N, C-alpha and C. Protein backbone atom coordinates (compact mmCIF):
# COMPACT_ATOMS: atom_id res chain seq x y z
N MET A 1 -112.96 95.65 7.65
CA MET A 1 -112.62 95.02 6.42
C MET A 1 -112.74 95.99 5.25
N TRP A 2 -112.55 97.24 5.50
CA TRP A 2 -112.64 98.26 4.44
C TRP A 2 -111.64 98.04 3.37
N PHE A 3 -110.46 97.39 3.69
CA PHE A 3 -109.41 97.23 2.69
C PHE A 3 -109.78 96.17 1.62
N PHE A 4 -110.81 95.37 1.91
CA PHE A 4 -111.28 94.38 0.92
C PHE A 4 -112.24 95.00 -0.09
N LEU A 5 -112.69 96.17 0.25
CA LEU A 5 -113.73 96.82 -0.59
C LEU A 5 -113.15 97.74 -1.60
N GLY A 6 -111.84 97.74 -1.81
CA GLY A 6 -111.22 98.59 -2.87
C GLY A 6 -111.30 100.06 -2.59
N CYS A 7 -110.83 100.47 -1.42
CA CYS A 7 -110.85 101.86 -1.04
C CYS A 7 -109.71 102.66 -1.59
N GLY A 8 -108.92 102.10 -2.43
CA GLY A 8 -107.76 102.84 -3.08
C GLY A 8 -106.63 103.17 -2.07
N VAL A 9 -106.25 102.19 -1.27
CA VAL A 9 -105.13 102.45 -0.38
C VAL A 9 -103.82 102.32 -1.13
N GLU A 10 -102.96 103.37 -1.01
CA GLU A 10 -101.68 103.35 -1.66
C GLU A 10 -100.60 102.84 -0.69
N SER A 11 -99.67 102.06 -1.19
CA SER A 11 -98.56 101.65 -0.38
C SER A 11 -97.45 102.68 -0.49
N VAL A 12 -96.73 102.90 0.59
CA VAL A 12 -95.64 103.88 0.60
C VAL A 12 -94.37 103.10 0.86
N ALA A 13 -93.34 103.34 -0.01
CA ALA A 13 -92.06 102.67 0.19
C ALA A 13 -91.29 103.32 1.30
N ILE A 14 -90.90 102.52 2.27
CA ILE A 14 -90.11 102.97 3.39
C ILE A 14 -88.67 102.53 3.14
N PRO A 15 -87.73 103.40 3.07
CA PRO A 15 -86.36 103.02 2.78
C PRO A 15 -85.79 102.18 3.95
N TYR A 16 -84.92 101.20 3.58
CA TYR A 16 -84.26 100.45 4.62
C TYR A 16 -83.19 101.29 5.27
N PRO A 17 -82.88 101.01 6.56
CA PRO A 17 -81.78 101.72 7.21
C PRO A 17 -80.50 101.59 6.44
N LYS A 18 -79.75 102.68 6.41
CA LYS A 18 -78.45 102.66 5.76
C LYS A 18 -77.44 103.35 6.70
N MET A 19 -76.61 102.56 7.35
CA MET A 19 -75.67 103.13 8.31
C MET A 19 -74.52 103.76 7.60
N VAL A 20 -74.18 104.99 7.97
CA VAL A 20 -73.05 105.73 7.39
C VAL A 20 -72.16 106.17 8.55
N LEU A 21 -70.87 105.87 8.37
CA LEU A 21 -69.91 106.27 9.41
C LEU A 21 -69.15 107.49 8.89
N SER A 22 -68.80 108.39 9.79
CA SER A 22 -68.03 109.61 9.41
C SER A 22 -66.61 109.23 8.96
N SER A 23 -66.09 108.11 9.43
CA SER A 23 -64.81 107.65 9.04
C SER A 23 -64.76 106.15 9.23
N THR A 24 -64.10 105.42 8.32
CA THR A 24 -64.04 103.97 8.43
C THR A 24 -62.75 103.49 9.07
N GLU A 25 -61.80 104.40 9.32
CA GLU A 25 -60.57 104.08 10.00
C GLU A 25 -60.22 105.11 11.01
N HIS A 26 -59.56 104.64 12.14
CA HIS A 26 -59.08 105.59 13.15
C HIS A 26 -57.65 105.11 13.58
N ASP A 27 -56.71 106.05 13.48
CA ASP A 27 -55.34 105.76 13.91
C ASP A 27 -55.21 106.20 15.36
N LEU A 28 -55.11 105.26 16.26
CA LEU A 28 -55.02 105.64 17.65
C LEU A 28 -53.59 105.91 18.09
N GLY A 29 -52.62 105.81 17.16
CA GLY A 29 -51.25 106.04 17.51
C GLY A 29 -50.69 104.91 18.35
N GLU A 30 -49.73 105.16 19.17
CA GLU A 30 -49.19 104.11 19.98
C GLU A 30 -49.94 104.12 21.32
N VAL A 31 -50.35 102.91 21.69
CA VAL A 31 -51.05 102.75 22.96
C VAL A 31 -50.30 101.65 23.73
N ALA A 32 -49.86 101.93 24.97
CA ALA A 32 -49.12 100.97 25.78
C ALA A 32 -50.06 99.82 26.13
N ALA A 33 -49.39 98.65 26.33
CA ALA A 33 -50.17 97.48 26.77
C ALA A 33 -50.89 97.79 28.08
N GLY A 34 -52.19 97.53 28.08
CA GLY A 34 -53.00 97.84 29.26
C GLY A 34 -53.49 99.25 29.26
N GLY A 35 -53.05 100.08 28.27
CA GLY A 35 -53.47 101.45 28.22
C GLY A 35 -54.83 101.55 27.50
N GLU A 36 -55.25 102.77 27.30
CA GLU A 36 -56.48 103.05 26.57
C GLU A 36 -56.21 103.97 25.39
N GLY A 37 -56.98 103.71 24.34
CA GLY A 37 -56.99 104.60 23.18
C GLY A 37 -58.40 105.00 22.91
N THR A 38 -58.63 106.23 22.51
CA THR A 38 -60.01 106.65 22.19
C THR A 38 -60.08 107.30 20.84
N ALA A 39 -61.22 107.23 20.23
CA ALA A 39 -61.51 107.87 18.99
C ALA A 39 -62.98 108.30 18.98
N THR A 40 -63.26 109.36 18.18
CA THR A 40 -64.61 109.82 18.10
C THR A 40 -65.09 109.71 16.64
N PHE A 41 -66.27 109.19 16.42
CA PHE A 41 -66.82 109.14 15.08
C PHE A 41 -68.34 109.29 15.23
N THR A 42 -68.96 109.55 14.08
CA THR A 42 -70.38 109.73 14.03
C THR A 42 -71.03 108.65 13.18
N VAL A 43 -72.16 108.14 13.70
CA VAL A 43 -72.98 107.11 12.96
C VAL A 43 -74.30 107.78 12.67
N ARG A 44 -74.77 107.67 11.41
CA ARG A 44 -76.07 108.24 11.12
C ARG A 44 -76.81 107.27 10.15
N ASN A 45 -78.12 107.45 10.10
CA ASN A 45 -78.93 106.59 9.26
C ASN A 45 -79.36 107.42 8.03
N ASP A 46 -78.90 107.10 6.83
CA ASP A 46 -79.26 107.81 5.65
C ASP A 46 -80.41 107.09 4.90
N GLY A 47 -80.99 106.11 5.54
CA GLY A 47 -82.08 105.36 4.90
C GLY A 47 -83.40 106.06 4.95
């Protein structure tokens, strides 16, 4: 119960996660019905 005795504990602000994408759009060009299209992008947390 040391925290009730006024030991001077400081709170530290922890930033919320902030998702950032390297690109918000991808043009896959023409993809035939039943075909596959792929794209590469990066997701990172700036929070």
